[in-house]
Amino acid sequence: MSMRVATFAMNDRMLAASMKTQARMAEMQMQQATGQVSTSLGGYGAESRNLISLEVSLSRSQSYTAAASEATSRVEVMYSTMDTINDVLSSFRSALVAIKSTDASTETKAGLSTTAALNLEELATLLNTQYEGRYLFGGSATTTAPVDLSAYSMTDPDAENTAYYQGNSTLAAVQVSSEQSVSYGVAASDSAFEKAFRAFSIIADANGVLSDDTINAALELIVGAIDGAAGVQGTLSVNAATLERAQVREEEFQAHLSASLSEVRDVDVTEIAVKLTAYEVQLQAAYATLAKIQGINLLDYVS
């Protein structure tokens, strides 16, 4: 009967060491494939809490950036709409100046009244602009058209009248960081638009019977509306700049968070490859040694 010279304990230690090396190699092969320390939180040990905190902070910051970007797009649409509104107001002012400086015919005056009525409707349509299903000029009331001319009747040309306005007095706002919320936009109740509606109504309601007083009143209002519209666009420009700065700050913060996450989560794939090669050599040597030890027989040394 043959027997081994090596003891059971020696074999057990050698085998345990080999299995440990093999397990470490499997772990490193997974790291090499994913580029990460582990595919589960448990693999990060004490760093798991830090990892979760960084990921939550990054996700929150990205949501702020997305919200600011969406708000910026709305502001840009509003600014573009204001360009069209400015064209309508300027064209009407030119028509008023022209009819004031000439001995206009009845047909010309009637045509101006028709133009004013059309401008009234166009301004309402422009202020009811929607973007991605949201009304932009109704303050924070984004689901209701802000202008309804059926509720508007100008009884006193000298009195401010926003009966057309169906929105609210609270501007839309967006959270752009944990500490900052930005109000943006302008409501259709703004004095620039209110004056424009009155100017158009004065001329439209006159039905071509245009006195100098009527034309002068409309001209004064439309000039005020044009000045106010310039202020509205200035406000929108400030809104856009504020939102852009907020985005830049959050993107810089995200870059910092991503770098910190990488330090915790990611591995150097090249370094892992080098270590794997070393472990492979070590494991092959261990198995070769085990095979040699297990192949030694006491009878080989008995004469």
Protein backbone atom coordinates (compact mmCIF):
# COMPACT_ATOMS: atom_id res chain seq x y z
CA MET A 1 0.00 0.00 0.00
CA SER A 2 1.39 3.42 -1.02
CA MET A 3 1.20 6.61 1.05
CA ARG A 4 1.99 10.32 0.56
CA VAL A 5 5.05 11.94 2.11
CA ALA A 6 3.36 15.44 2.11
CA THR A 7 0.97 15.98 4.97
CA PHE A 8 -2.72 16.76 4.58
CA ALA A 9 -2.23 20.17 6.22
CA MET A 10 0.38 21.18 3.62
CA ASN A 11 -1.92 20.18 0.76
CA ASP A 12 -4.79 22.03 2.39
CA ARG A 13 -2.79 25.25 2.78
CA MET A 14 -1.51 25.09 -0.78
CA LEU A 15 -5.00 24.43 -2.14
CA ALA A 16 -6.55 27.24 -0.07
CA ALA A 17 -3.92 29.69 -1.31
CA SER A 18 -4.55 28.65 -4.90
CA MET A 19 -8.32 29.03 -4.53
CA LYS A 20 -7.84 32.48 -3.00
CA THR A 21 -5.64 33.51 -5.92
CA GLN A 22 -8.20 32.15 -8.38
CA ALA A 23 -11.02 34.09 -6.66
CA ARG A 24 -8.97 37.28 -6.76
CA MET A 25 -8.29 36.70 -10.46
CA ALA A 26 -12.01 36.27 -11.16
CA GLU A 27 -12.71 39.53 -9.33
CA MET A 28 -10.02 41.34 -11.31
CA GLN A 29 -11.28 39.90 -14.59
CA MET A 30 -14.70 41.38 -13.79
CA GLN A 31 -13.04 44.72 -13.00
CA GLN A 32 -11.18 44.58 -16.29
CA ALA A 33 -14.43 43.92 -18.18
CA THR A 34 -16.51 46.63 -16.45
CA GLY A 35 -13.83 49.18 -15.62
CA GLN A 36 -15.26 49.37 -12.10
CA VAL A 37 -14.21 48.13 -8.68
CA SER A 38 -17.42 46.14 -8.29
CA THR A 39 -20.84 45.64 -9.83
CA SER A 40 -22.50 45.72 -6.40
CA LEU A 41 -22.33 48.13 -3.49
CA GLY A 42 -21.06 45.40 -1.21
CA GLY A 43 -17.86 45.26 -3.21
CA TYR A 44 -16.95 48.80 -2.17
CA GLY A 45 -16.91 48.10 1.55
CA ALA A 46 -16.56 51.26 3.63
CA GLU A 47 -16.59 53.38 0.46
CA SER A 48 -20.16 52.37 -0.42
CA ARG A 49 -21.68 55.21 1.61
CA ASN A 50 -19.46 57.75 -0.13
CA LEU A 51 -20.30 56.23 -3.51
CA ILE A 52 -24.05 56.53 -2.89
CA SER A 53 -23.69 60.12 -1.73
CA LEU A 54 -21.71 61.09 -4.83
CA GLU A 55 -24.15 59.38 -7.20
CA VAL A 56 -27.16 61.06 -5.56
CA SER A 57 -25.48 64.46 -5.71
CA LEU A 58 -24.58 63.96 -9.36
CA SER A 59 -28.10 62.88 -10.28
CA ARG A 60 -29.63 65.85 -8.46
CA SER A 61 -27.23 68.28 -10.13
CA GLN A 62 -28.03 66.83 -13.55
CA SER A 63 -31.74 67.35 -12.89
CA TYR A 64 -31.04 71.01 -12.07
CA THR A 65 -29.09 71.38 -15.32
CA ALA A 66 -31.89 69.78 -17.33
CA ALA A 67 -34.49 72.05 -15.71
CA ALA A 68 -32.39 75.15 -16.41
CA SER A 69 -31.91 74.05 -20.02
CA GLU A 70 -35.66 73.59 -20.51
CA ALA A 71 -36.35 77.01 -18.98
CA THR A 72 -33.71 78.56 -21.25
CA SER A 73 -35.47 77.09 -24.28
CA ARG A 74 -38.76 78.65 -23.15
CA VAL A 75 -37.11 82.02 -22.66
CA GLU A 76 -35.60 81.80 -26.15
CA VAL A 77 -39.04 81.07 -27.64
CA MET A 78 -40.49 84.04 -25.73
CA TYR A 79 -37.67 86.28 -26.98
CA SER A 80 -38.29 85.17 -30.55
CA THR A 81 -42.01 85.85 -30.13
CA MET A 82 -41.16 89.33 -28.90
CA ASP A 83 -39.27 89.97 -32.14
CA THR A 84 -42.50 89.36 -34.04
CA ILE A 85 -44.50 91.47 -31.59
CA ASN A 86 -42.03 94.33 -32.06
CA ASP A 87 -42.52 94.09 -35.83
CA VAL A 88 -46.31 94.34 -35.40
CA LEU A 89 -46.03 97.33 -33.05
CA SER A 90 -43.49 99.17 -35.20
CA SER A 91 -45.53 98.63 -38.34
CA PHE A 92 -48.64 100.01 -36.65
CA ARG A 93 -46.75 103.05 -35.36
CA SER A 94 -45.53 103.76 -38.89
CA ALA A 95 -49.09 103.53 -40.16
CA LEU A 96 -50.29 105.97 -37.49
CA VAL A 97 -47.50 108.43 -38.23
CA ALA A 98 -48.23 108.21 -41.95
CA ILE A 99 -51.97 108.81 -41.58
CA LYS A 100 -51.31 111.67 -39.14
CA SER A 101 -48.98 113.46 -41.54
CA THR A 102 -51.24 113.28 -44.58
CA ASP A 103 -54.79 114.16 -45.48
CA ALA A 104 -55.89 110.52 -45.49
CA SER A 105 -58.91 109.40 -47.41
CA THR A 106 -61.90 107.68 -45.88
CA GLU A 107 -60.77 104.41 -47.43
CA THR A 108 -57.27 104.77 -45.93
CA LYS A 109 -58.71 105.43 -42.49
CA ALA A 110 -61.06 102.47 -42.81
CA GLY A 111 -58.10 100.31 -43.86
CA LEU A 112 -56.19 101.38 -40.75
CA SER A 113 -59.12 100.36 -38.56
CA THR A 114 -59.17 96.97 -40.27
CA THR A 115 -55.41 96.63 -39.77
CA ALA A 116 -55.79 97.50 -36.08
CA ALA A 117 -58.44 94.81 -35.64
CA LEU A 118 -56.17 92.26 -37.31
CA ASN A 119 -53.22 93.37 -35.16
CA LEU A 120 -55.38 92.96 -32.08
CA GLU A 121 -56.05 89.33 -32.99
CA GLU A 122 -52.42 88.70 -33.97
CA LEU A 123 -51.09 90.05 -30.70
CA ALA A 124 -53.50 87.80 -28.81
CA THR A 125 -52.33 84.80 -30.84
CA LEU A 126 -48.67 85.62 -30.24
CA LEU A 127 -49.21 85.97 -26.50
CA ASN A 128 -50.98 82.59 -26.52
CA THR A 129 -47.80 80.96 -27.85
CA GLN A 130 -47.25 77.42 -26.58
CA TYR A 131 -44.01 75.51 -26.26
CA GLU A 132 -43.97 71.82 -25.40
CA GLY A 133 -47.60 72.06 -24.33
CA ARG A 134 -47.08 75.06 -22.03
CA TYR A 135 -48.50 78.55 -22.49
CA LEU A 136 -45.54 80.87 -22.03
CA PHE A 137 -47.10 84.26 -21.29
CA GLY A 138 -49.56 83.29 -18.54
CA GLY A 139 -47.22 83.47 -15.58
CA SER A 140 -47.17 80.17 -13.71
CA ALA A 141 -50.58 79.26 -15.20
CA THR A 142 -49.24 77.18 -18.08
CA THR A 143 -52.31 75.16 -19.03
CA THR A 144 -54.70 78.04 -19.82
CA ALA A 145 -54.45 80.43 -22.75
CA PRO A 146 -53.44 83.76 -21.15
CA VAL A 147 -55.33 86.00 -23.59
CA ASP A 148 -59.06 85.83 -24.27
CA LEU A 149 -60.38 88.79 -26.25
CA SER A 150 -63.98 87.75 -25.69
CA ALA A 151 -63.52 89.02 -22.14
CA TYR A 152 -62.03 92.32 -23.35
CA SER A 153 -63.97 95.49 -24.02
CA MET A 154 -62.27 98.86 -24.07
CA THR A 155 -64.71 101.41 -22.66
CA ASP A 156 -62.21 104.09 -21.61
CA PRO A 157 -59.16 104.67 -23.83
CA ASP A 158 -57.37 106.39 -20.96
CA ALA A 159 -57.89 103.59 -18.40
CA GLU A 160 -55.65 100.56 -18.08
CA ASN A 161 -57.58 97.40 -18.89
CA THR A 162 -56.25 93.84 -18.53
CA ALA A 163 -59.61 92.10 -18.67
CA TYR A 164 -58.23 90.02 -21.55
CA TYR A 165 -55.68 88.36 -19.25
CA GLN A 166 -56.53 84.87 -17.96
CA GLY A 167 -53.18 84.00 -16.35
CA ASN A 168 -51.87 84.84 -12.90
CA SER A 169 -49.41 87.31 -11.43
CA THR A 170 -46.81 84.71 -10.46
CA LEU A 171 -44.05 84.20 -12.99
CA ALA A 172 -42.82 80.72 -13.83
CA ALA A 173 -39.81 79.63 -11.77
CA VAL A 174 -37.23 76.87 -11.99
CA GLN A 175 -34.94 75.36 -9.34
CA VAL A 176 -31.42 75.58 -10.78
CA SER A 177 -29.48 74.48 -7.69
CA SER A 178 -30.14 73.43 -4.13
CA GLU A 179 -29.91 77.11 -3.11
CA GLN A 180 -31.22 79.00 -6.15
CA SER A 181 -34.59 79.32 -7.85
CA VAL A 182 -34.93 81.58 -10.91
CA SER A 183 -38.16 83.33 -11.89
CA TYR A 184 -38.29 83.95 -15.62
CA GLY A 185 -40.45 85.19 -18.45
CA VAL A 186 -43.10 87.88 -18.69
CA ALA A 187 -46.88 87.81 -18.41
CA ALA A 188 -49.31 88.98 -21.09
CA SER A 189 -50.64 91.44 -18.52
CA ASP A 190 -47.41 93.47 -18.78
CA SER A 191 -48.05 97.17 -19.43
CA ALA A 192 -46.34 96.93 -22.84
CA PHE A 193 -48.98 94.50 -24.08
CA GLU A 194 -51.85 96.24 -22.29
CA LYS A 195 -50.99 99.52 -24.03
CA ALA A 196 -50.73 97.77 -27.38
CA PHE A 197 -54.18 96.20 -26.94
CA ARG A 198 -55.62 99.62 -26.10
CA ALA A 199 -53.92 101.28 -29.06
CA PHE A 200 -55.26 98.68 -31.48
CA SER A 201 -58.73 98.83 -29.90
CA ILE A 202 -58.94 102.64 -30.14
CA ILE A 203 -58.39 102.51 -33.89
CA ALA A 204 -60.34 99.30 -34.54
CA ASP A 205 -63.41 100.50 -32.61
CA ALA A 206 -63.40 103.83 -34.48
CA ASN A 207 -64.41 101.99 -37.67
CA GLY A 208 -62.53 104.45 -39.84
CA VAL A 209 -63.85 107.58 -38.11
CA LEU A 210 -60.44 108.78 -36.96
CA SER A 211 -60.06 112.17 -35.36
CA ASP A 212 -56.71 113.73 -34.56
CA ASP A 213 -57.33 113.05 -30.87
CA THR A 214 -57.99 109.37 -31.56
CA ILE A 215 -54.86 109.01 -33.67
CA ASN A 216 -52.73 110.90 -31.13
CA ALA A 217 -54.03 108.74 -28.26
CA ALA A 218 -53.28 105.54 -30.18
CA LEU A 219 -49.84 106.82 -31.20
CA GLU A 220 -48.93 107.69 -27.62
CA LEU A 221 -49.99 104.24 -26.46
CA ILE A 222 -48.18 102.36 -29.22
CA VAL A 223 -44.95 104.31 -28.57
CA GLY A 224 -45.25 103.38 -24.90
CA ALA A 225 -45.90 99.77 -25.90
CA ILE A 226 -42.77 99.71 -28.08
CA ASP A 227 -40.65 101.13 -25.26
CA GLY A 228 -42.13 98.58 -22.87
CA ALA A 229 -41.50 95.72 -25.32
CA ALA A 230 -37.82 96.67 -25.43
CA GLY A 231 -37.78 96.40 -21.65
CA VAL A 232 -39.48 92.99 -21.87
CA GLN A 233 -36.77 91.70 -24.20
CA GLY A 234 -34.13 93.11 -21.87
CA THR A 235 -35.69 91.16 -19.02
CA LEU A 236 -35.73 87.99 -21.09
CA SER A 237 -32.05 88.50 -21.95
CA VAL A 238 -31.23 88.79 -18.23
CA ASN A 239 -33.27 85.63 -17.57
CA ALA A 240 -31.35 83.73 -20.25
CA ALA A 241 -27.98 84.89 -18.91
CA THR A 242 -28.92 83.95 -15.34
CA LEU A 243 -30.04 80.48 -16.41
CA GLU A 244 -26.91 79.98 -18.49
CA ARG A 245 -24.65 80.88 -15.56
CA ALA A 246 -26.56 78.47 -13.33
CA GLN A 247 -26.08 75.70 -15.90
CA VAL A 248 -22.34 76.38 -16.13
CA ARG A 249 -21.97 76.26 -12.34
CA GLU A 250 -23.81 72.95 -12.11
CA GLU A 251 -21.84 71.46 -15.01
CA GLU A 252 -18.59 72.41 -13.27
CA PHE A 253 -19.91 70.85 -10.07
CA GLN A 254 -20.85 67.71 -12.03
CA ALA A 255 -17.32 67.49 -13.42
CA HIS A 256 -15.97 67.58 -9.86
CA LEU A 257 -18.47 64.92 -8.74
CA SER A 258 -17.66 62.72 -11.72
CA ALA A 259 -13.95 62.91 -10.93
CA SER A 260 -14.62 61.97 -7.31
CA LEU A 261 -16.86 59.11 -8.43
CA SER A 262 -14.18 57.86 -10.77
CA GLU A 263 -11.67 57.76 -7.92
CA VAL A 264 -14.01 55.59 -5.87
CA ARG A 265 -15.67 53.48 -8.57
CA ASP A 266 -13.27 53.09 -11.48
CA VAL A 267 -10.15 50.98 -11.87
CA ASP A 268 -7.04 51.34 -14.02
CA VAL A 269 -7.68 48.67 -16.65
CA THR A 270 -4.02 48.63 -17.73
CA GLU A 271 -2.85 48.10 -14.18
CA ILE A 272 -5.41 45.32 -13.73
CA ALA A 273 -4.13 43.58 -16.88
CA VAL A 274 -0.57 43.62 -15.55
CA LYS A 275 -1.67 42.24 -12.17
CA LEU A 276 -3.73 39.52 -13.85
CA THR A 277 -0.69 38.35 -15.77
CA ALA A 278 1.28 38.14 -12.53
CA TYR A 279 -1.54 36.23 -10.81
CA GLU A 280 -1.77 33.79 -13.72
CA VAL A 281 1.93 33.00 -13.42
CA GLN A 282 1.56 32.63 -9.64
CA LEU A 283 -1.45 30.33 -10.00
CA GLN A 284 0.24 28.14 -12.60
CA ALA A 285 3.25 27.78 -10.33
CA ALA A 286 1.03 26.91 -7.37
CA TYR A 287 -0.82 24.20 -9.31
CA ALA A 288 2.44 22.79 -10.60
CA THR A 289 3.80 22.62 -7.06
CA LEU A 290 0.59 20.94 -5.82
CA ALA A 291 0.79 18.36 -8.57
CA LYS A 292 4.41 17.60 -7.76
CA ILE A 293 3.74 17.29 -3.99
CA GLN A 294 0.74 15.06 -4.51
CA GLY A 295 2.71 12.87 -6.89
CA ILE A 296 5.46 12.06 -4.33
CA ASN A 297 5.13 8.50 -2.97
CA LEU A 298 6.86 7.06 0.13
CA LEU A 299 7.75 3.90 -1.80
CA ASP A 300 9.92 6.02 -4.11
CA TYR A 301 12.29 6.55 -1.15
CA VAL A 302 12.28 3.02 0.28
CA SER A 303 15.09 0.81 -0.99
